[in-house]
Amino acid sequence: MRQTALVSRLALAVECTAALASPALAKGVEPRFDLDDPAGAPFPSDRYTVPEADHLTGLRVNLPKPDCSTRPTDCENV
């Protein structure tokens, strides 16, 4: 019985700490990305998908091809 009470109190303390700390940690935080520029947008995103009937999800990722002259190993991976 003692161990259960201790675990319950510890869980409550963790939840309270997280609830109080979150707003303080987020103060002054703002996203900085440009949705008009795919290179600067958040990833993963549906912005990089296109319809594809052959896939189970009906979508596939459509990322820009790498520059094979400057990044040959990237091209090999694709």
PDB file of N, CA and C in Angstrom:
ATOM      1  N   MET A   1       0.820  -1.195   0.000  1.00  0.00           N
ATOM      2  CA  MET A   1       0.000   0.000   0.000  1.00  0.00           C
ATOM      3  C   MET A   1       0.866   1.261   0.000  1.00  0.00           C
ATOM      4  N   ARG A   2       1.958   1.263   0.753  1.00  0.00           N
ATOM      5  CA  ARG A   2       2.845   2.430   0.808  1.00  0.00           C
ATOM      6  C   ARG A   2       3.456   2.740  -0.548  1.00  0.00           C
ATOM      7  N   GLN A   3       3.884   1.696  -1.247  1.00  0.00           N
ATOM      8  CA  GLN A   3       4.527   1.896  -2.547  1.00  0.00           C
ATOM      9  C   GLN A   3       3.537   2.506  -3.532  1.00  0.00           C
ATOM     10  N   THR A   4       2.291   2.076  -3.505  1.00  0.00           N
ATOM     11  CA  THR A   4       1.280   2.618  -4.407  1.00  0.00           C
ATOM     12  C   THR A   4       1.055   4.100  -4.130  1.00  0.00           C
ATOM     13  N   ALA A   5       0.991   4.476  -2.860  1.00  0.00           N
ATOM     14  CA  ALA A   5       0.803   5.881  -2.500  1.00  0.00           C
ATOM     15  C   ALA A   5       1.996   6.716  -2.941  1.00  0.00           C
ATOM     16  N   LEU A   6       3.190   6.180  -2.777  1.00  0.00           N
ATOM     17  CA  LEU A   6       4.394   6.897  -3.187  1.00  0.00           C
ATOM     18  C   LEU A   6       4.411   7.103  -4.695  1.00  0.00           C
ATOM     19  N   VAL A   7       4.068   6.075  -5.439  1.00  0.00           N
ATOM     20  CA  VAL A   7       4.036   6.171  -6.905  1.00  0.00           C
ATOM     21  C   VAL A   7       2.985   7.188  -7.332  1.00  0.00           C
ATOM     22  N   SER A   8       1.833   7.182  -6.689  1.00  0.00           N
ATOM     23  CA  SER A   8       0.772   8.134  -7.021  1.00  0.00           C
ATOM     24  C   SER A   8       1.224   9.570  -6.769  1.00  0.00           C
ATOM     25  N   ARG A   9       1.881   9.793  -5.631  1.00  0.00           N
ATOM     26  CA  ARG A   9       2.358  11.140  -5.312  1.00  0.00           C
ATOM     27  C   ARG A   9       3.451  11.584  -6.281  1.00  0.00           C
ATOM     28  N   LEU A  10       4.315  10.673  -6.640  1.00  0.00           N
ATOM     29  CA  LEU A  10       5.380  10.992  -7.589  1.00  0.00           C
ATOM     30  C   LEU A  10       4.784  11.345  -8.953  1.00  0.00           C
ATOM     31  N   ALA A  11       3.800  10.574  -9.382  1.00  0.00           N
ATOM     32  CA  ALA A  11       3.154  10.851 -10.663  1.00  0.00           C
ATOM     33  C   ALA A  11       2.481  12.220 -10.646  1.00  0.00           C
ATOM     34  N   LEU A  12       1.815  12.547  -9.543  1.00  0.00           N
ATOM     35  CA  LEU A  12       1.162  13.847  -9.411  1.00  0.00           C
ATOM     36  C   LEU A  12       2.199  14.979  -9.440  1.00  0.00           C
ATOM     37  N   ALA A  13       3.320  14.790  -8.779  1.00  0.00           N
ATOM     38  CA  ALA A  13       4.376  15.803  -8.769  1.00  0.00           C
ATOM     39  C   ALA A  13       4.940  16.027 -10.167  1.00  0.00           C
ATOM     40  N   VAL A  14       5.126  14.962 -10.905  1.00  0.00           N
ATOM     41  CA  VAL A  14       5.646  15.075 -12.275  1.00  0.00           C
ATOM     42  C   VAL A  14       4.644  15.815 -13.151  1.00  0.00           C
ATOM     43  N   GLU A  15       3.367  15.476 -13.037  1.00  0.00           N
ATOM     44  CA  GLU A  15       2.337  16.137 -13.842  1.00  0.00           C
ATOM     45  C   GLU A  15       2.253  17.626 -13.516  1.00  0.00           C
ATOM     46  N   CYS A  16       2.309  17.974 -12.243  1.00  0.00           N
ATOM     47  CA  CYS A  16       2.247  19.385 -11.840  1.00  0.00           C
ATOM     48  C   CYS A  16       3.463  20.149 -12.349  1.00  0.00           C
ATOM     49  N   THR A  17       4.623  19.547 -12.245  1.00  0.00           N
ATOM     50  CA  THR A  17       5.846  20.193 -12.724  1.00  0.00           C
ATOM     51  C   THR A  17       5.773  20.438 -14.223  1.00  0.00           C
ATOM     52  N   ALA A  18       5.316  19.445 -14.962  1.00  0.00           N
ATOM     53  CA  ALA A  18       5.206  19.585 -16.417  1.00  0.00           C
ATOM     54  C   ALA A  18       4.193  20.660 -16.785  1.00  0.00           C
ATOM     55  N   ALA A  19       3.080  20.696 -16.079  1.00  0.00           N
ATOM     56  CA  ALA A  19       2.041  21.686 -16.370  1.00  0.00           C
ATOM     57  C   ALA A  19       2.529  23.101 -16.094  1.00  0.00           C
ATOM     58  N   LEU A  20       3.295  23.274 -15.041  1.00  0.00           N
ATOM     59  CA  LEU A  20       3.780  24.602 -14.692  1.00  0.00           C
ATOM     60  C   LEU A  20       4.970  25.029 -15.543  1.00  0.00           C
ATOM     61  N   ALA A  21       5.790  24.089 -15.955  1.00  0.00           N
ATOM     62  CA  ALA A  21       7.005  24.412 -16.698  1.00  0.00           C
ATOM     63  C   ALA A  21       6.737  24.696 -18.169  1.00  0.00           C
ATOM     64  N   SER A  22       5.747  24.075 -18.759  1.00  0.00           N
ATOM     65  CA  SER A  22       5.503  24.206 -20.194  1.00  0.00           C
ATOM     66  C   SER A  22       5.344  25.639 -20.662  1.00  0.00           C
ATOM     67  N   PRO A  23       4.472  26.447 -20.026  1.00  0.00           N
ATOM     68  CA  PRO A  23       4.348  27.829 -20.508  1.00  0.00           C
ATOM     69  C   PRO A  23       5.655  28.613 -20.372  1.00  0.00           C
ATOM     70  N   ALA A  24       6.406  28.356 -19.337  1.00  0.00           N
ATOM     71  CA  ALA A  24       7.669  29.074 -19.151  1.00  0.00           C
ATOM     72  C   ALA A  24       8.665  28.699 -20.232  1.00  0.00           C
ATOM     73  N   LEU A  25       8.714  27.440 -20.604  1.00  0.00           N
ATOM     74  CA  LEU A  25       9.642  27.004 -21.640  1.00  0.00           C
ATOM     75  C   LEU A  25       9.244  27.540 -23.006  1.00  0.00           C
ATOM     76  N   ALA A  26       7.944  27.737 -23.234  1.00  0.00           N
ATOM     77  CA  ALA A  26       7.458  28.175 -24.534  1.00  0.00           C
ATOM     78  C   ALA A  26       7.522  29.687 -24.709  1.00  0.00           C
ATOM     79  N   LYS A  27       7.752  30.423 -23.644  1.00  0.00           N
ATOM     80  CA  LYS A  27       7.760  31.881 -23.734  1.00  0.00           C
ATOM     81  C   LYS A  27       8.824  32.347 -24.721  1.00  0.00           C
ATOM     82  N   GLY A  28       8.404  33.130 -25.680  1.00  0.00           N
ATOM     83  CA  GLY A  28       9.324  33.670 -26.657  1.00  0.00           C
ATOM     84  C   GLY A  28       9.628  32.730 -27.821  1.00  0.00           C
ATOM     85  N   VAL A  29       9.014  31.551 -27.828  1.00  0.00           N
ATOM     86  CA  VAL A  29       9.250  30.597 -28.917  1.00  0.00           C
ATOM     87  C   VAL A  29       8.250  30.863 -30.030  1.00  0.00           C
ATOM     88  N   GLU A  30       8.742  30.941 -31.238  1.00  0.00           N
ATOM     89  CA  GLU A  30       7.863  31.117 -32.387  1.00  0.00           C
ATOM     90  C   GLU A  30       8.426  30.345 -33.572  1.00  0.00           C
ATOM     91  N   PRO A  31       7.542  29.746 -34.374  1.00  0.00           N
ATOM     92  CA  PRO A  31       8.039  29.009 -35.543  1.00  0.00           C
ATOM     93  C   PRO A  31       8.583  29.990 -36.574  1.00  0.00           C
ATOM     94  N   ARG A  32       9.656  29.574 -37.225  1.00  0.00           N
ATOM     95  CA  ARG A  32      10.251  30.411 -38.270  1.00  0.00           C
ATOM     96  C   ARG A  32      10.477  29.567 -39.510  1.00  0.00           C
ATOM     97  N   PHE A  33       9.500  29.589 -40.386  1.00  0.00           N
ATOM     98  CA  PHE A  33       9.630  28.896 -41.659  1.00  0.00           C
ATOM     99  C   PHE A  33       8.721  29.583 -42.663  1.00  0.00           C
ATOM    100  N   ASP A  34       9.046  29.379 -43.914  1.00  0.00           N
ATOM    101  CA  ASP A  34       8.316  30.007 -45.008  1.00  0.00           C
ATOM    102  C   ASP A  34       7.587  28.922 -45.777  1.00  0.00           C
ATOM    103  N   LEU A  35       6.257  28.909 -45.704  1.00  0.00           N
ATOM    104  CA  LEU A  35       5.491  27.883 -46.409  1.00  0.00           C
ATOM    105  C   LEU A  35       5.545  28.041 -47.923  1.00  0.00           C
ATOM    106  N   ASP A  36       5.989  29.191 -48.416  1.00  0.00           N
ATOM    107  CA  ASP A  36       6.138  29.370 -49.860  1.00  0.00           C
ATOM    108  C   ASP A  36       7.399  28.703 -50.391  1.00  0.00           C
ATOM    109  N   ASP A  37       8.318  28.366 -49.515  1.00  0.00           N
ATOM    110  CA  ASP A  37       9.569  27.727 -49.900  1.00  0.00           C
ATOM    111  C   ASP A  37       9.593  26.310 -49.311  1.00  0.00           C
ATOM    112  N   PRO A  38       9.416  25.262 -50.138  1.00  0.00           N
ATOM    113  CA  PRO A  38       9.387  23.894 -49.616  1.00  0.00           C
ATOM    114  C   PRO A  38      10.632  23.528 -48.821  1.00  0.00           C
ATOM    115  N   ALA A  39      11.773  24.106 -49.144  1.00  0.00           N
ATOM    116  CA  ALA A  39      13.005  23.781 -48.420  1.00  0.00           C
ATOM    117  C   ALA A  39      12.960  24.307 -46.987  1.00  0.00           C
ATOM    118  N   GLY A  40      12.151  25.332 -46.740  1.00  0.00           N
ATOM    119  CA  GLY A  40      12.094  25.911 -45.416  1.00  0.00           C
ATOM    120  C   GLY A  40      10.882  25.502 -44.605  1.00  0.00           C
ATOM    121  N   ALA A  41      10.021  24.671 -45.157  1.00  0.00           N
ATOM    122  CA  ALA A  41       8.796  24.269 -44.473  1.00  0.00           C
ATOM    123  C   ALA A  41       9.058  23.126 -43.500  1.00  0.00           C
ATOM    124  N   PRO A  42       8.178  22.932 -42.527  1.00  0.00           N
ATOM    125  CA  PRO A  42       8.353  21.826 -41.582  1.00  0.00           C
ATOM    126  C   PRO A  42       8.245  20.480 -42.279  1.00  0.00           C
ATOM    127  N   PHE A  43       8.927  19.502 -41.743  1.00  0.00           N
ATOM    128  CA  PHE A  43       8.913  18.157 -42.335  1.00  0.00           C
ATOM    129  C   PHE A  43       8.757  17.166 -41.207  1.00  0.00           C
ATOM    130  N   PRO A  44       7.973  16.154 -41.263  1.00  0.00           N
ATOM    131  CA  PRO A  44       7.177  15.740 -42.417  1.00  0.00           C
ATOM    132  C   PRO A  44       5.935  16.600 -42.573  1.00  0.00           C
ATOM    133  N   SER A  45       5.454  16.651 -43.788  1.00  0.00           N
ATOM    134  CA  SER A  45       4.291  17.465 -44.100  1.00  0.00           C
ATOM    135  C   SER A  45       3.584  16.870 -45.313  1.00  0.00           C
ATOM    136  N   ASP A  46       2.279  17.007 -45.365  1.00  0.00           N
ATOM    137  CA  ASP A  46       1.534  16.554 -46.534  1.00  0.00           C
ATOM    138  C   ASP A  46       1.870  17.384 -47.761  1.00  0.00           C
ATOM    139  N   ARG A  47       2.553  18.486 -47.539  1.00  0.00           N
ATOM    140  CA  ARG A  47       2.963  19.337 -48.649  1.00  0.00           C
ATOM    141  C   ARG A  47       3.866  18.568 -49.626  1.00  0.00           C
ATOM    142  N   TYR A  48       4.561  17.578 -49.132  1.00  0.00           N
ATOM    143  CA  TYR A  48       5.499  16.813 -49.956  1.00  0.00           C
ATOM    144  C   TYR A  48       4.899  15.529 -50.509  1.00  0.00           C
ATOM    145  N   THR A  49       3.580  15.376 -50.459  1.00  0.00           N
ATOM    146  CA  THR A  49       2.965  14.161 -50.972  1.00  0.00           C
ATOM    147  C   THR A  49       2.171  14.464 -52.232  1.00  0.00           C
ATOM    148  N   VAL A  50       2.064  13.441 -53.062  1.00  0.00           N
ATOM    149  CA  VAL A  50       1.261  13.513 -54.281  1.00  0.00           C
ATOM    150  C   VAL A  50       0.445  12.230 -54.362  1.00  0.00           C
ATOM    151  N   PRO A  51      -0.692  12.277 -55.039  1.00  0.00           N
ATOM    152  CA  PRO A  51      -1.499  11.062 -55.171  1.00  0.00           C
ATOM    153  C   PRO A  51      -0.729   9.959 -55.894  1.00  0.00           C
ATOM    154  N   GLU A  52      -0.908   8.727 -55.429  1.00  0.00           N
ATOM    155  CA  GLU A  52      -0.260   7.560 -56.046  1.00  0.00           C
ATOM    156  C   GLU A  52      -1.155   6.350 -55.783  1.00  0.00           C
ATOM    157  N   ALA A  53      -1.880   5.927 -56.805  1.00  0.00           N
ATOM    158  CA  ALA A  53      -2.858   4.852 -56.653  1.00  0.00           C
ATOM    159  C   ALA A  53      -2.212   3.514 -56.298  1.00  0.00           C
ATOM    160  N   ASP A  54      -0.950   3.312 -56.658  1.00  0.00           N
ATOM    161  CA  ASP A  54      -0.288   2.031 -56.402  1.00  0.00           C
ATOM    162  C   ASP A  54       0.131   1.843 -54.946  1.00  0.00           C
ATOM    163  N   HIS A  55       0.130   2.907 -54.146  1.00  0.00           N
ATOM    164  CA  HIS A  55       0.531   2.810 -52.746  1.00  0.00           C
ATOM    165  C   HIS A  55      -0.691   2.569 -51.858  1.00  0.00           C
ATOM    166  N   LEU A  56      -0.480   1.877 -50.758  1.00  0.00           N
ATOM    167  CA  LEU A  56      -1.588   1.577 -49.847  1.00  0.00           C
ATOM    168  C   LEU A  56      -2.236   2.835 -49.286  1.00  0.00           C
ATOM    169  N   THR A  57      -1.473   3.867 -49.057  1.00  0.00           N
ATOM    170  CA  THR A  57      -2.018   5.108 -48.503  1.00  0.00           C
ATOM    171  C   THR A  57      -2.657   5.993 -49.555  1.00  0.00           C
ATOM    172  N   GLY A  58      -2.393   5.696 -50.824  1.00  0.00           N
ATOM    173  CA  GLY A  58      -2.884   6.541 -51.901  1.00  0.00           C
ATOM    174  C   GLY A  58      -2.025   7.774 -52.114  1.00  0.00           C
ATOM    175  N   LEU A  59      -0.902   7.845 -51.386  1.00  0.00           N
ATOM    176  CA  LEU A  59       0.018   8.975 -51.497  1.00  0.00           C
ATOM    177  C   LEU A  59       1.453   8.476 -51.585  1.00  0.00           C
ATOM    178  N   ARG A  60       2.318   9.323 -52.107  1.00  0.00           N
ATOM    179  CA  ARG A  60       3.745   9.036 -52.046  1.00  0.00           C
ATOM    180  C   ARG A  60       4.475  10.345 -51.796  1.00  0.00           C
ATOM    181  N   VAL A  61       5.652  10.234 -51.216  1.00  0.00           N
ATOM    182  CA  VAL A  61       6.465  11.414 -50.943  1.00  0.00           C
ATOM    183  C   VAL A  61       7.107  11.864 -52.248  1.00  0.00           C
ATOM    184  N   ASN A  62       7.043  13.137 -52.521  1.00  0.00           N
ATOM    185  CA  ASN A  62       7.592  13.701 -53.747  1.00  0.00           C
ATOM    186  C   ASN A  62       8.592  14.793 -53.385  1.00  0.00           C
ATOM    187  N   LEU A  63       9.799  14.377 -53.016  1.00  0.00           N
ATOM    188  CA  LEU A  63      10.840  15.338 -52.660  1.00  0.00           C
ATOM    189  C   LEU A  63      11.625  15.727 -53.909  1.00  0.00           C
ATOM    190  N   PRO A  64      12.196  16.927 -53.912  1.00  0.00           N
ATOM    191  CA  PRO A  64      13.001  17.329 -55.059  1.00  0.00           C
ATOM    192  C   PRO A  64      14.221  16.424 -55.199  1.00  0.00           C
ATOM    193  N   LYS A  65      14.599  16.150 -56.425  1.00  0.00           N
ATOM    194  CA  LYS A  65      15.778  15.315 -56.694  1.00  0.00           C
ATOM    195  C   LYS A  65      17.045  16.073 -56.303  1.00  0.00           C
ATOM    196  N   PRO A  66      18.032  15.367 -55.751  1.00  0.00           N
ATOM    197  CA  PRO A  66      19.293  16.040 -55.398  1.00  0.00           C
ATOM    198  C   PRO A  66      20.116  16.367 -56.648  1.00  0.00           C
ATOM    199  N   ASP A  67      21.041  17.273 -56.499  1.00  0.00           N
ATOM    200  CA  ASP A  67      21.964  17.622 -57.577  1.00  0.00           C
ATOM    201  C   ASP A  67      23.060  16.553 -57.616  1.00  0.00           C
ATOM    202  N   CYS A  68      22.989  15.675 -58.598  1.00  0.00           N
ATOM    203  CA  CYS A  68      23.903  14.529 -58.667  1.00  0.00           C
ATOM    204  C   CYS A  68      25.352  14.938 -58.925  1.00  0.00           C
ATOM    205  N   SER A  69      25.560  16.111 -59.481  1.00  0.00           N
ATOM    206  CA  SER A  69      26.943  16.534 -59.734  1.00  0.00           C
ATOM    207  C   SER A  69      27.645  16.953 -58.445  1.00  0.00           C
ATOM    208  N   THR A  70      26.899  17.462 -57.486  1.00  0.00           N
ATOM    209  CA  THR A  70      27.520  17.883 -56.226  1.00  0.00           C
ATOM    210  C   THR A  70      27.290  16.896 -55.086  1.00  0.00           C
ATOM    211  N   ARG A  71      26.253  16.044 -55.207  1.00  0.00           N
ATOM    212  CA  ARG A  71      25.937  15.088 -54.138  1.00  0.00           C
ATOM    213  C   ARG A  71      25.653  13.710 -54.740  1.00  0.00           C
ATOM    214  N   PRO A  72      26.668  13.079 -55.299  1.00  0.00           N
ATOM    215  CA  PRO A  72      26.461  11.792 -55.990  1.00  0.00           C
ATOM    216  C   PRO A  72      25.918  10.693 -55.077  1.00  0.00           C
ATOM    217  N   THR A  73      26.301  10.672 -53.805  1.00  0.00           N
ATOM    218  CA  THR A  73      25.804   9.612 -52.932  1.00  0.00           C
ATOM    219  C   THR A  73      24.321   9.787 -52.644  1.00  0.00           C
ATOM    220  N   ASP A  74      23.853  11.015 -52.618  1.00  0.00           N
ATOM    221  CA  ASP A  74      22.407  11.244 -52.461  1.00  0.00           C
ATOM    222  C   ASP A  74      21.655  10.647 -53.636  1.00  0.00           C
ATOM    223  N   CYS A  75      22.197  10.793 -54.831  1.00  0.00           N
ATOM    224  CA  CYS A  75      21.542  10.246 -56.024  1.00  0.00           C
ATOM    225  C   CYS A  75      21.551   8.718 -55.987  1.00  0.00           C
ATOM    226  N   GLU A  76      22.630   8.136 -55.488  1.00  0.00           N
ATOM    227  CA  GLU A  76      22.683   6.677 -55.365  1.00  0.00           C
ATOM    228  C   GLU A  76      21.629   6.160 -54.392  1.00  0.00           C
ATOM    229  N   ASN A  77      21.377   6.910 -53.326  1.00  0.00           N
ATOM    230  CA  ASN A  77      20.384   6.499 -52.346  1.00  0.00           C
ATOM    231  C   ASN A  77      18.966   6.574 -52.890  1.00  0.00           C
ATOM    232  N   VAL A  78      18.736   7.518 -53.783  1.00  0.00           N
ATOM    233  CA  VAL A  78      17.391   7.663 -54.363  1.00  0.00           C
ATOM    234  C   VAL A  78      17.171   6.548 -55.346  1.00  0.00           C
TER     235      VAL A  78
END
